[in-house]
Amino acid sequence: MKKLFICLSAVFLLIGFFNTKALAEEQLVPKRLSSIGDSITVGMNAELPLENHYASWANGYYGFWQWLFGLTNVNSHNQRITAEFGRRGRRNYMEAESGATSADFFEQSQRAVGHQAFYVTVLLGNNDVCSDDLPLHRVKFVKNMWAGLSVLETGLTPGATVYVVGIPDITELWDAIKDKKALGIINCQDIWALNPLDLFPSTCMDLLNEAPDVIQGYIIQYNTILKNLVDIFNADSPNYYFYTEAVFLNGVSENEVSDIDCYHPSAEGQAVLSDITWNAPDGPRFFDW
């Protein structure tokens, strides 16, 4: 019996050694939301021209004015958190900026830390994939994402959650807009070809025309980098890191693309983004607490 007790004690000690996550501070309730990203997260051209913060998949909100003007309720992460955990102590910060790349991750992470966020969403990399120096840029991407995650790791309150969302598949977007018209007037592919005011990354436009599989390959590589980085940071941390490629795998339908620029998610697309990421089996799934 004594030998059995010693063996069981050793097993429990080993479990404790390898399962350091179980010994970490409790995961914080996500009442202080801070979202890092680019034009997707700011809701660029989702329903109205330019930024539509109310329609952001992460930070969106729906109040009297949105209801009065018949705007779309995207049921964002911000709204879901309030519904699940109440309004008391709620904070909602938008760190994302249109045109941001992984090089902006460090500064946006600093702002998230300054806002004492308990829950940080990260959707970056779309503009990196369309960079002119793609082979070299993968090295920069790793460096930039490591730097931003390091800021979050050292600056956030222990028990905070960092949710990294994989880069969407832009080749699916290309297929979705083949028969779509901007504002119901101009063919979307004509807008992409003309690229007025350099609205879109020219590298992506060219490659989507000539070799969409090349672009998709780059996205898969970048998403693999994101997953590996999350695994590294999650291995020994008082914080909780999650990665999902659910958005990449979901595809895109025509009605999920902006009627204004044929490029960014529409309000309906933002609602789909919110739903997919909130319910992703490999996501935080806060509602299971």
Protein backbone atom coordinates (compact mmCIF):
# COMPACT_ATOMS: atom_id res chain seq x y z
CA MET A 1 0.00 0.00 0.00
CA LYS A 2 2.88 2.35 0.86
CA LYS A 3 4.49 1.69 -2.55
CA LEU A 4 1.15 2.40 -4.26
CA PHE A 5 0.83 5.70 -2.39
CA ILE A 6 4.36 6.73 -3.42
CA CYS A 7 3.66 5.86 -7.08
CA LEU A 8 0.40 7.82 -7.10
CA SER A 9 2.11 10.80 -5.48
CA ALA A 10 4.78 10.75 -8.18
CA VAL A 11 2.13 10.66 -10.90
CA PHE A 12 0.32 13.67 -9.44
CA LEU A 13 3.59 15.57 -9.14
CA LEU A 14 4.36 14.86 -12.81
CA ILE A 15 0.89 15.99 -13.84
CA GLY A 16 1.42 19.21 -11.93
CA PHE A 17 4.81 19.69 -13.55
CA PHE A 18 3.62 19.26 -17.13
CA ASN A 19 0.25 20.94 -16.66
CA THR A 20 1.48 24.35 -15.50
CA LYS A 21 -1.58 25.95 -17.12
CA ALA A 22 -3.79 24.45 -14.43
CA LEU A 23 -1.68 26.18 -11.78
CA ALA A 24 -1.86 29.59 -13.50
CA GLU A 25 -4.10 32.34 -12.23
CA GLU A 26 -7.77 31.96 -13.18
CA GLN A 27 -8.73 33.19 -16.63
CA LEU A 28 -10.13 36.70 -16.32
CA VAL A 29 -13.71 37.46 -17.30
CA PRO A 30 -13.34 39.34 -20.65
CA LYS A 31 -14.98 42.58 -19.57
CA ARG A 32 -12.16 44.81 -20.85
CA LEU A 33 -11.98 44.16 -24.60
CA SER A 34 -9.20 45.55 -26.78
CA SER A 35 -9.00 44.69 -30.48
CA ILE A 36 -5.85 44.79 -32.59
CA GLY A 37 -5.98 44.74 -36.37
CA ASP A 38 -6.43 46.52 -39.67
CA SER A 39 -9.27 47.74 -41.89
CA ILE A 40 -11.29 44.58 -41.33
CA THR A 41 -11.58 45.20 -37.59
CA VAL A 42 -12.42 48.91 -37.99
CA GLY A 43 -15.29 47.92 -40.31
CA MET A 44 -14.02 49.80 -43.37
CA ASN A 45 -16.87 50.33 -45.88
CA ALA A 46 -18.95 47.67 -44.17
CA GLU A 47 -22.25 49.49 -44.66
CA LEU A 48 -21.42 53.19 -44.83
CA PRO A 49 -18.35 54.84 -46.44
CA LEU A 50 -15.09 54.63 -44.47
CA GLU A 51 -14.85 53.21 -40.94
CA ASN A 52 -17.94 51.62 -39.40
CA HIS A 53 -16.91 50.91 -35.82
CA TYR A 54 -20.45 49.93 -34.89
CA ALA A 55 -20.19 47.11 -37.45
CA SER A 56 -16.85 45.71 -36.29
CA TRP A 57 -16.89 41.94 -35.69
CA ALA A 58 -14.92 42.54 -32.48
CA ASN A 59 -15.85 45.98 -31.10
CA GLY A 60 -19.23 46.60 -32.74
CA TYR A 61 -22.21 48.03 -30.89
CA TYR A 62 -25.89 48.60 -31.59
CA GLY A 63 -27.69 51.51 -29.98
CA PHE A 64 -30.55 53.90 -30.62
CA TRP A 65 -29.00 55.64 -33.64
CA GLN A 66 -28.08 52.38 -35.34
CA TRP A 67 -31.63 51.14 -34.79
CA LEU A 68 -33.16 54.44 -35.95
CA PHE A 69 -31.27 54.42 -39.26
CA GLY A 70 -31.85 50.75 -39.88
CA LEU A 71 -28.18 49.79 -39.71
CA THR A 72 -27.04 46.21 -39.24
CA ASN A 73 -26.63 44.62 -35.83
CA VAL A 74 -23.50 42.45 -36.23
CA ASN A 75 -23.71 40.98 -32.69
CA SER A 76 -19.99 41.57 -32.11
CA HIS A 77 -17.78 40.08 -29.43
CA ASN A 78 -18.30 43.31 -27.50
CA GLN A 79 -22.07 42.79 -27.54
CA ARG A 80 -21.82 39.11 -26.70
CA ILE A 81 -19.60 39.81 -23.70
CA THR A 82 -22.14 42.31 -22.34
CA ALA A 83 -24.95 39.81 -22.92
CA GLU A 84 -23.06 37.04 -21.12
CA PHE A 85 -21.44 38.96 -18.27
CA GLY A 86 -23.43 42.20 -17.88
CA ARG A 87 -22.60 45.90 -18.32
CA ARG A 88 -20.85 46.44 -15.02
CA GLY A 89 -17.12 46.99 -15.49
CA ARG A 90 -17.35 46.80 -19.28
CA ARG A 91 -14.78 48.59 -21.44
CA ASN A 92 -14.38 48.42 -25.21
CA TYR A 93 -11.23 49.69 -26.95
CA MET A 94 -10.46 49.82 -30.67
CA GLU A 95 -6.71 49.66 -31.27
CA ALA A 96 -7.00 48.60 -34.93
CA GLU A 97 -6.20 51.00 -37.77
CA SER A 98 -6.91 50.81 -41.47
CA GLY A 99 -3.84 49.80 -43.48
CA ALA A 100 -2.07 48.26 -40.48
CA THR A 101 0.48 45.50 -40.98
CA SER A 102 2.31 43.27 -38.54
CA ALA A 103 4.77 46.16 -38.09
CA ASP A 104 1.98 48.00 -36.24
CA PHE A 105 1.34 45.12 -33.86
CA PHE A 106 3.90 46.32 -31.31
CA GLU A 107 2.33 49.79 -30.94
CA GLN A 108 -1.24 48.49 -30.91
CA SER A 109 -0.24 45.95 -28.24
CA GLN A 110 1.20 48.76 -26.13
CA ARG A 111 -2.14 50.56 -26.30
CA ALA A 112 -4.00 47.37 -25.32
CA VAL A 113 -1.70 47.02 -22.30
CA GLY A 114 -2.24 50.69 -21.46
CA HIS A 115 -5.98 50.05 -21.48
CA GLN A 116 -5.48 47.14 -19.06
CA ALA A 117 -7.35 44.77 -21.36
CA PHE A 118 -8.51 41.39 -20.09
CA TYR A 119 -9.36 40.14 -23.60
CA VAL A 120 -7.38 41.03 -26.74
CA THR A 121 -8.39 39.98 -30.24
CA VAL A 122 -5.75 40.01 -33.00
CA LEU A 123 -6.54 39.91 -36.71
CA LEU A 124 -3.48 41.05 -38.65
CA GLY A 125 -1.56 39.89 -41.71
CA ASN A 126 -3.87 40.64 -44.62
CA ASN A 127 -1.69 43.54 -45.72
CA ASP A 128 1.51 41.56 -45.09
CA VAL A 129 0.41 38.83 -47.47
CA CYS A 130 0.06 41.42 -50.22
CA SER A 131 3.51 42.93 -49.62
CA ASP A 132 5.84 43.47 -52.60
CA ASP A 133 8.70 41.52 -50.96
CA LEU A 134 6.81 38.41 -49.92
CA PRO A 135 9.69 35.91 -49.51
CA LEU A 136 11.68 38.29 -47.31
CA HIS A 137 8.59 39.61 -45.56
CA ARG A 138 7.89 36.26 -43.90
CA VAL A 139 10.96 36.82 -41.75
CA LYS A 140 9.74 40.29 -40.83
CA PHE A 141 6.30 38.88 -40.11
CA VAL A 142 7.67 36.43 -37.54
CA LYS A 143 9.74 39.18 -35.91
CA ASN A 144 6.82 41.63 -35.79
CA MET A 145 4.30 39.15 -34.43
CA TRP A 146 6.76 37.93 -31.80
CA ALA A 147 7.38 41.51 -30.68
CA GLY A 148 3.67 42.29 -30.34
CA LEU A 149 2.87 39.08 -28.48
CA SER A 150 5.81 39.73 -26.15
CA VAL A 151 4.34 43.11 -25.23
CA LEU A 152 1.02 41.46 -24.41
CA GLU A 153 2.73 38.65 -22.49
CA THR A 154 4.65 40.96 -20.20
CA GLY A 155 2.11 43.78 -19.93
CA LEU A 156 -1.33 42.23 -19.56
CA THR A 157 -2.78 41.27 -16.20
CA PRO A 158 -2.13 37.55 -15.54
CA GLY A 159 -5.15 35.54 -16.62
CA ALA A 160 -5.87 37.71 -19.67
CA THR A 161 -6.93 36.09 -22.95
CA VAL A 162 -5.27 36.76 -26.33
CA TYR A 163 -7.24 35.47 -29.32
CA VAL A 164 -5.35 35.34 -32.62
CA VAL A 165 -7.54 34.89 -35.70
CA GLY A 166 -6.01 33.41 -38.84
CA ILE A 167 -5.82 35.48 -42.03
CA PRO A 168 -8.92 35.07 -44.24
CA ASP A 169 -8.59 33.41 -47.65
CA ILE A 170 -8.54 36.31 -50.12
CA THR A 171 -8.80 33.88 -53.04
CA GLU A 172 -12.31 33.04 -51.84
CA LEU A 173 -13.06 36.77 -51.91
CA TRP A 174 -11.88 36.94 -55.52
CA ASP A 175 -14.29 34.17 -56.49
CA ALA A 176 -17.15 35.72 -54.52
CA ILE A 177 -17.10 39.06 -56.37
CA LYS A 178 -16.96 37.70 -59.94
CA ASP A 179 -20.63 38.53 -60.53
CA LYS A 180 -20.99 41.32 -57.97
CA LYS A 181 -21.51 45.02 -58.75
CA ALA A 182 -20.40 47.87 -56.52
CA LEU A 183 -23.43 49.97 -55.53
CA GLY A 184 -25.30 47.81 -58.02
CA ILE A 185 -23.63 49.70 -60.91
CA ILE A 186 -19.97 48.85 -61.56
CA ASN A 187 -18.56 45.34 -61.88
CA CYS A 188 -16.42 44.58 -58.84
CA GLN A 189 -13.65 43.02 -60.89
CA ASP A 190 -13.44 46.23 -62.96
CA ILE A 191 -12.93 48.18 -59.73
CA TRP A 192 -10.18 45.79 -58.70
CA ALA A 193 -8.53 46.15 -62.12
CA LEU A 194 -8.69 49.97 -62.09
CA ASN A 195 -7.70 50.16 -58.39
CA PRO A 196 -8.79 53.81 -57.97
CA LEU A 197 -6.76 55.83 -55.45
CA ASP A 198 -4.69 52.68 -54.84
CA LEU A 199 -7.44 51.27 -52.64
CA PHE A 200 -6.11 47.72 -52.92
CA PRO A 201 -2.61 46.21 -52.71
CA SER A 202 -1.43 45.96 -56.33
CA THR A 203 0.58 42.79 -55.67
CA CYS A 204 -2.55 40.93 -54.61
CA MET A 205 -4.52 42.23 -57.57
CA ASP A 206 -1.93 40.95 -60.04
CA LEU A 207 -1.45 37.57 -58.39
CA LEU A 208 -5.17 36.96 -57.97
CA ASN A 209 -5.53 37.43 -61.71
CA GLU A 210 -2.54 35.31 -62.67
CA ALA A 211 -1.92 32.77 -59.89
CA PRO A 212 -4.44 32.76 -57.02
CA ASP A 213 -2.92 29.53 -55.66
CA VAL A 214 0.31 31.45 -54.96
CA ILE A 215 -1.53 33.95 -52.75
CA GLN A 216 -3.37 31.14 -50.98
CA GLY A 217 -0.05 29.41 -50.35
CA TYR A 218 1.34 32.54 -48.70
CA ILE A 219 -1.72 32.86 -46.48
CA ILE A 220 -1.36 29.24 -45.36
CA GLN A 221 2.31 29.88 -44.53
CA TYR A 222 1.47 33.01 -42.54
CA ASN A 223 -1.32 31.26 -40.67
CA THR A 224 1.05 28.42 -39.80
CA ILE A 225 3.42 31.02 -38.34
CA LEU A 226 0.59 32.47 -36.26
CA LYS A 227 -0.42 29.07 -34.90
CA ASN A 228 3.17 28.16 -34.02
CA LEU A 229 3.71 31.47 -32.21
CA VAL A 230 0.51 31.01 -30.20
CA ASP A 231 1.62 27.50 -29.22
CA ILE A 232 4.98 28.86 -28.05
CA PHE A 233 3.48 31.65 -25.96
CA ASN A 234 0.79 29.37 -24.57
CA ALA A 235 3.25 26.76 -23.35
CA ASP A 236 4.37 28.56 -20.21
CA SER A 237 2.33 31.66 -19.52
CA PRO A 238 -0.02 33.05 -16.89
CA ASN A 239 -2.16 34.27 -19.83
CA TYR A 240 -4.36 32.28 -22.18
CA TYR A 241 -3.60 32.22 -25.91
CA PHE A 242 -5.89 30.89 -28.61
CA TYR A 243 -5.56 30.57 -32.38
CA THR A 244 -8.25 29.69 -34.90
CA GLU A 245 -8.19 29.27 -38.66
CA ALA A 246 -11.98 29.00 -38.77
CA VAL A 247 -12.32 32.22 -40.78
CA PHE A 248 -9.82 30.99 -43.39
CA LEU A 249 -11.68 27.70 -43.73
CA ASN A 250 -15.16 29.23 -43.89
CA GLY A 251 -14.96 30.82 -47.34
CA VAL A 252 -16.75 33.96 -48.50
CA SER A 253 -20.13 34.53 -50.16
CA GLU A 254 -21.07 37.51 -52.33
CA ASN A 255 -23.33 39.13 -49.74
CA GLU A 256 -20.49 39.09 -47.20
CA VAL A 257 -18.44 41.52 -49.33
CA SER A 258 -18.82 45.30 -49.16
CA ASP A 259 -21.13 46.86 -51.76
CA ILE A 260 -18.93 49.97 -51.64
CA ASP A 261 -15.42 48.71 -52.42
CA CYS A 262 -15.93 45.00 -53.24
CA TYR A 263 -13.00 44.18 -50.95
CA HIS A 264 -13.74 44.52 -47.26
CA PRO A 265 -16.39 42.55 -45.34
CA SER A 266 -19.90 43.93 -45.55
CA ALA A 267 -21.90 44.37 -42.36
CA GLU A 268 -23.28 40.90 -42.97
CA GLY A 269 -19.73 39.66 -43.46
CA GLN A 270 -18.75 41.25 -40.15
CA ALA A 271 -21.65 39.46 -38.45
CA VAL A 272 -20.42 36.16 -39.91
CA LEU A 273 -16.89 36.92 -38.69
CA SER A 274 -18.21 37.54 -35.20
CA ASP A 275 -20.23 34.34 -35.18
CA ILE A 276 -17.46 32.15 -36.57
CA THR A 277 -14.78 33.43 -34.22
CA TRP A 278 -16.98 33.45 -31.12
CA ASN A 279 -18.17 29.89 -31.71
CA ALA A 280 -14.92 28.42 -33.08
CA PRO A 281 -14.21 25.13 -31.25
CA ASP A 282 -10.56 26.19 -30.84
CA GLY A 283 -11.47 29.70 -29.64
CA PRO A 284 -11.87 30.94 -26.05
CA ARG A 285 -15.58 29.97 -25.84
CA PHE A 286 -16.20 32.26 -22.89
CA PHE A 287 -19.85 31.28 -22.65
CA ASP A 288 -18.84 27.81 -21.39
CA TRP A 289 -17.54 29.25 -18.12
